[in-house]
Amino acid sequence: IFEQWLRRHRPMLEVFPAANAPIGHNRENYMVPFIPLYRNGEFFKSSRELGYEYEYLQEPALDSFHDFLIPYLEQARQIWAWLVGAAVIGGIITAVLTGLILVCRKKRRGTSSEIQPLLIESEDYNNISYQSN
């Protein structure tokens, strides 16, 4: 039962209390009177880590790639509406941002001669008089 629980929940060592547990039950306390001495936290290892396997707990081998994909396809079937909604909202946001960028670029391109005073037509350049009255 403990091995099934370990495989199902895969707890980290930090789950086992380091302090405030009854005397002898903290993670770093030794289990006595067992010899050789082991710490309580060392028992959070699955049988695979210790080098043996329970035959009735072995996971069945996947026969094909299709069997591997079935759980993922079932999850995708449950959340497909959310995925489509996110794609639509993302498309709308992208279209709005693209439109704003294009409008800003058009405004920049339409610069007037006041912004660029040194640029004048070559025909006007010959007729300029630099004398003051």
C-alpha atoms as a PDB file:
ATOM      1  CA  ILE A   1       0.000   0.000   0.000  1.00  0.00           C
ATOM      2  CA  PHE A   2       2.856   2.380   0.860  1.00  0.00           C
ATOM      3  CA  GLU A   3       4.521   1.662  -2.502  1.00  0.00           C
ATOM      4  CA  GLN A   4       1.285   2.451  -4.352  1.00  0.00           C
ATOM      5  CA  TRP A   5       0.963   5.694  -2.402  1.00  0.00           C
ATOM      6  CA  LEU A   6       4.583   6.646  -3.207  1.00  0.00           C
ATOM      7  CA  ARG A   7       4.057   6.013  -6.920  1.00  0.00           C
ATOM      8  CA  ARG A   8       0.773   7.893  -7.046  1.00  0.00           C
ATOM      9  CA  HIS A   9       1.830  11.008  -5.116  1.00  0.00           C
ATOM     10  CA  ARG A  10       5.610  11.019  -5.604  1.00  0.00           C
ATOM     11  CA  PRO A  11       6.248  13.060  -2.445  1.00  0.00           C
ATOM     12  CA  MET A  12       9.413  15.061  -2.014  1.00  0.00           C
ATOM     13  CA  LEU A  13      11.536  14.413   1.058  1.00  0.00           C
ATOM     14  CA  GLU A  14      10.478  17.806   2.432  1.00  0.00           C
ATOM     15  CA  VAL A  15       6.938  16.428   2.912  1.00  0.00           C
ATOM     16  CA  PHE A  16       8.181  14.319   5.789  1.00  0.00           C
ATOM     17  CA  PRO A  17       8.300  16.667   8.822  1.00  0.00           C
ATOM     18  CA  ALA A  18      11.738  17.912   9.847  1.00  0.00           C
ATOM     19  CA  ALA A  19      10.504  19.103  13.251  1.00  0.00           C
ATOM     20  CA  ASN A  20       7.466  19.217  15.555  1.00  0.00           C
ATOM     21  CA  ALA A  21       6.544  15.562  14.986  1.00  0.00           C
ATOM     22  CA  PRO A  22       6.244  13.150  17.938  1.00  0.00           C
ATOM     23  CA  ILE A  23       9.570  12.015  19.388  1.00  0.00           C
ATOM     24  CA  GLY A  24      11.387   9.756  16.927  1.00  0.00           C
ATOM     25  CA  HIS A  25       9.153  10.648  13.957  1.00  0.00           C
ATOM     26  CA  ASN A  26      11.023  13.593  12.424  1.00  0.00           C
ATOM     27  CA  ARG A  27      12.707  13.210   9.051  1.00  0.00           C
ATOM     28  CA  GLU A  28      16.273  13.055  10.413  1.00  0.00           C
ATOM     29  CA  ASN A  29      15.528  10.799  13.416  1.00  0.00           C
ATOM     30  CA  TYR A  30      16.769   7.230  13.321  1.00  0.00           C
ATOM     31  CA  MET A  31      14.319   4.342  13.400  1.00  0.00           C
ATOM     32  CA  VAL A  32      15.205   2.305  16.444  1.00  0.00           C
ATOM     33  CA  PRO A  33      15.695  -0.551  17.413  1.00  0.00           C
ATOM     34  CA  PHE A  34      16.279  -1.554  13.779  1.00  0.00           C
ATOM     35  CA  ILE A  35      19.835  -2.292  12.760  1.00  0.00           C
ATOM     36  CA  PRO A  36      21.376  -1.059  10.522  1.00  0.00           C
ATOM     37  CA  LEU A  37      20.183   2.409  11.446  1.00  0.00           C
ATOM     38  CA  TYR A  38      18.142   4.300   8.878  1.00  0.00           C
ATOM     39  CA  ARG A  39      16.628   7.744   9.115  1.00  0.00           C
ATOM     40  CA  ASN A  40      12.857   8.105   8.727  1.00  0.00           C
ATOM     41  CA  GLY A  41      13.257  10.232   5.588  1.00  0.00           C
ATOM     42  CA  GLU A  42      15.164   7.451   3.855  1.00  0.00           C
ATOM     43  CA  PHE A  43      11.967   5.409   3.637  1.00  0.00           C
ATOM     44  CA  PHE A  44      10.469   7.784   1.077  1.00  0.00           C
ATOM     45  CA  LYS A  45      12.263   5.846  -1.661  1.00  0.00           C
ATOM     46  CA  SER A  46      10.250   3.721  -4.038  1.00  0.00           C
ATOM     47  CA  SER A  47      11.127   0.096  -4.655  1.00  0.00           C
ATOM     48  CA  ARG A  48      12.564   1.043  -8.057  1.00  0.00           C
ATOM     49  CA  GLU A  49      15.180   3.241  -6.374  1.00  0.00           C
ATOM     50  CA  LEU A  50      16.049   0.351  -4.069  1.00  0.00           C
ATOM     51  CA  GLY A  51      16.512  -2.045  -6.988  1.00  0.00           C
ATOM     52  CA  TYR A  52      13.419  -4.243  -7.012  1.00  0.00           C
ATOM     53  CA  GLU A  53       9.958  -4.152  -8.534  1.00  0.00           C
ATOM     54  CA  TYR A  54       6.556  -5.473  -7.512  1.00  0.00           C
ATOM     55  CA  GLU A  55       5.130  -7.398 -10.444  1.00  0.00           C
ATOM     56  CA  TYR A  56       1.540  -6.377  -9.762  1.00  0.00           C
ATOM     57  CA  LEU A  57       2.531  -2.686  -9.701  1.00  0.00           C
ATOM     58  CA  GLN A  58       4.399  -2.685 -12.980  1.00  0.00           C
ATOM     59  CA  GLU A  59       3.006  -0.246 -15.474  1.00  0.00           C
ATOM     60  CA  PRO A  60       1.842  -1.902 -18.689  1.00  0.00           C
ATOM     61  CA  ALA A  61       4.058  -1.276 -21.688  1.00  0.00           C
ATOM     62  CA  LEU A  62       2.512   0.920 -24.336  1.00  0.00           C
ATOM     63  CA  ASP A  63       1.895  -1.066 -27.488  1.00  0.00           C
ATOM     64  CA  SER A  64       1.951   1.842 -29.865  1.00  0.00           C
ATOM     65  CA  PHE A  65       2.328   5.560 -30.248  1.00  0.00           C
ATOM     66  CA  HIS A  66      -1.480   5.774 -30.434  1.00  0.00           C
ATOM     67  CA  ASP A  67      -1.812   4.331 -26.925  1.00  0.00           C
ATOM     68  CA  PHE A  68       0.697   6.925 -25.725  1.00  0.00           C
ATOM     69  CA  LEU A  69      -1.329   9.803 -27.217  1.00  0.00           C
ATOM     70  CA  ILE A  70      -4.788   8.772 -25.977  1.00  0.00           C
ATOM     71  CA  PRO A  71      -4.566  10.500 -22.548  1.00  0.00           C
ATOM     72  CA  TYR A  72      -3.356  13.741 -24.147  1.00  0.00           C
ATOM     73  CA  LEU A  73      -6.087  13.659 -26.776  1.00  0.00           C
ATOM     74  CA  GLU A  74      -8.713  13.194 -24.068  1.00  0.00           C
ATOM     75  CA  GLN A  75      -7.386  16.245 -22.215  1.00  0.00           C
ATOM     76  CA  ALA A  76      -7.372  18.274 -25.432  1.00  0.00           C
ATOM     77  CA  ARG A  77     -10.987  17.235 -26.080  1.00  0.00           C
ATOM     78  CA  GLN A  78     -11.973  18.598 -22.669  1.00  0.00           C
ATOM     79  CA  ILE A  79     -10.315  21.996 -23.145  1.00  0.00           C
ATOM     80  CA  TRP A  80     -10.731  22.574 -26.905  1.00  0.00           C
ATOM     81  CA  ALA A  81     -13.280  25.362 -26.373  1.00  0.00           C
ATOM     82  CA  TRP A  82     -10.788  27.273 -24.221  1.00  0.00           C
ATOM     83  CA  LEU A  83      -8.047  26.779 -26.801  1.00  0.00           C
ATOM     84  CA  VAL A  84     -10.238  28.092 -29.630  1.00  0.00           C
ATOM     85  CA  GLY A  85     -11.355  31.049 -27.503  1.00  0.00           C
ATOM     86  CA  ALA A  86      -7.763  31.922 -26.645  1.00  0.00           C
ATOM     87  CA  ALA A  87      -6.798  31.744 -30.326  1.00  0.00           C
ATOM     88  CA  VAL A  88      -9.685  34.046 -31.346  1.00  0.00           C
ATOM     89  CA  ILE A  89      -8.932  36.587 -28.625  1.00  0.00           C
ATOM     90  CA  GLY A  90      -5.223  36.460 -29.511  1.00  0.00           C
ATOM     91  CA  GLY A  91      -6.070  37.096 -33.172  1.00  0.00           C
ATOM     92  CA  ILE A  92      -8.256  40.082 -32.299  1.00  0.00           C
ATOM     93  CA  ILE A  93      -5.583  41.601 -30.075  1.00  0.00           C
ATOM     94  CA  THR A  94      -2.954  41.069 -32.781  1.00  0.00           C
ATOM     95  CA  ALA A  95      -5.166  42.726 -35.410  1.00  0.00           C
ATOM     96  CA  VAL A  96      -5.829  45.754 -33.170  1.00  0.00           C
ATOM     97  CA  LEU A  97      -2.150  46.196 -32.348  1.00  0.00           C
ATOM     98  CA  THR A  98      -1.174  45.862 -36.022  1.00  0.00           C
ATOM     99  CA  GLY A  99      -3.746  48.505 -36.960  1.00  0.00           C
ATOM    100  CA  LEU A 100      -2.435  50.903 -34.325  1.00  0.00           C
ATOM    101  CA  ILE A 101       1.143  50.421 -35.507  1.00  0.00           C
ATOM    102  CA  LEU A 102       0.171  51.074 -39.129  1.00  0.00           C
ATOM    103  CA  VAL A 103      -1.726  54.255 -38.184  1.00  0.00           C
ATOM    104  CA  CYS A 104       1.270  55.532 -36.210  1.00  0.00           C
ATOM    105  CA  ARG A 105       3.601  54.845 -39.143  1.00  0.00           C
ATOM    106  CA  LYS A 106       1.304  56.718 -41.561  1.00  0.00           C
ATOM    107  CA  LYS A 107       1.309  59.747 -39.294  1.00  0.00           C
ATOM    108  CA  ARG A 108       5.107  59.727 -39.163  1.00  0.00           C
ATOM    109  CA  ARG A 109       5.444  59.486 -42.962  1.00  0.00           C
ATOM    110  CA  GLY A 110       3.207  62.498 -43.539  1.00  0.00           C
ATOM    111  CA  THR A 111       5.799  64.977 -42.212  1.00  0.00           C
ATOM    112  CA  SER A 112       5.389  68.615 -43.189  1.00  0.00           C
ATOM    113  CA  SER A 113       8.024  71.036 -44.447  1.00  0.00           C
ATOM    114  CA  GLU A 114       8.047  72.718 -41.039  1.00  0.00           C
ATOM    115  CA  ILE A 115       9.713  69.689 -39.542  1.00  0.00           C
ATOM    116  CA  GLN A 116      12.336  69.628 -42.315  1.00  0.00           C
ATOM    117  CA  PRO A 117      13.118  73.321 -42.995  1.00  0.00           C
ATOM    118  CA  LEU A 118      16.434  72.763 -44.760  1.00  0.00           C
ATOM    119  CA  LEU A 119      14.967  70.636 -47.504  1.00  0.00           C
ATOM    120  CA  ILE A 120      13.689  72.767 -50.367  1.00  0.00           C
ATOM    121  CA  GLU A 121      13.164  72.217 -54.049  1.00  0.00           C
ATOM    122  CA  SER A 122      16.179  72.856 -56.302  1.00  0.00           C
ATOM    123  CA  GLU A 123      14.172  75.376 -58.378  1.00  0.00           C
ATOM    124  CA  ASP A 124      13.477  77.514 -55.294  1.00  0.00           C
ATOM    125  CA  TYR A 125      17.106  77.330 -54.242  1.00  0.00           C
ATOM    126  CA  ASN A 126      18.290  79.544 -57.166  1.00  0.00           C
ATOM    127  CA  ASN A 127      15.675  82.283 -56.455  1.00  0.00           C
ATOM    128  CA  ILE A 128      16.509  82.802 -52.789  1.00  0.00           C
ATOM    129  CA  SER A 129      17.790  86.257 -51.861  1.00  0.00           C
ATOM    130  CA  TYR A 130      19.915  86.529 -48.766  1.00  0.00           C
ATOM    131  CA  GLN A 131      19.712  90.338 -48.599  1.00  0.00           C
ATOM    132  CA  SER A 132      17.703  91.989 -45.880  1.00  0.00           C
ATOM    133  CA  ASN A 133      15.691  95.203 -46.314  1.00  0.00           C
END
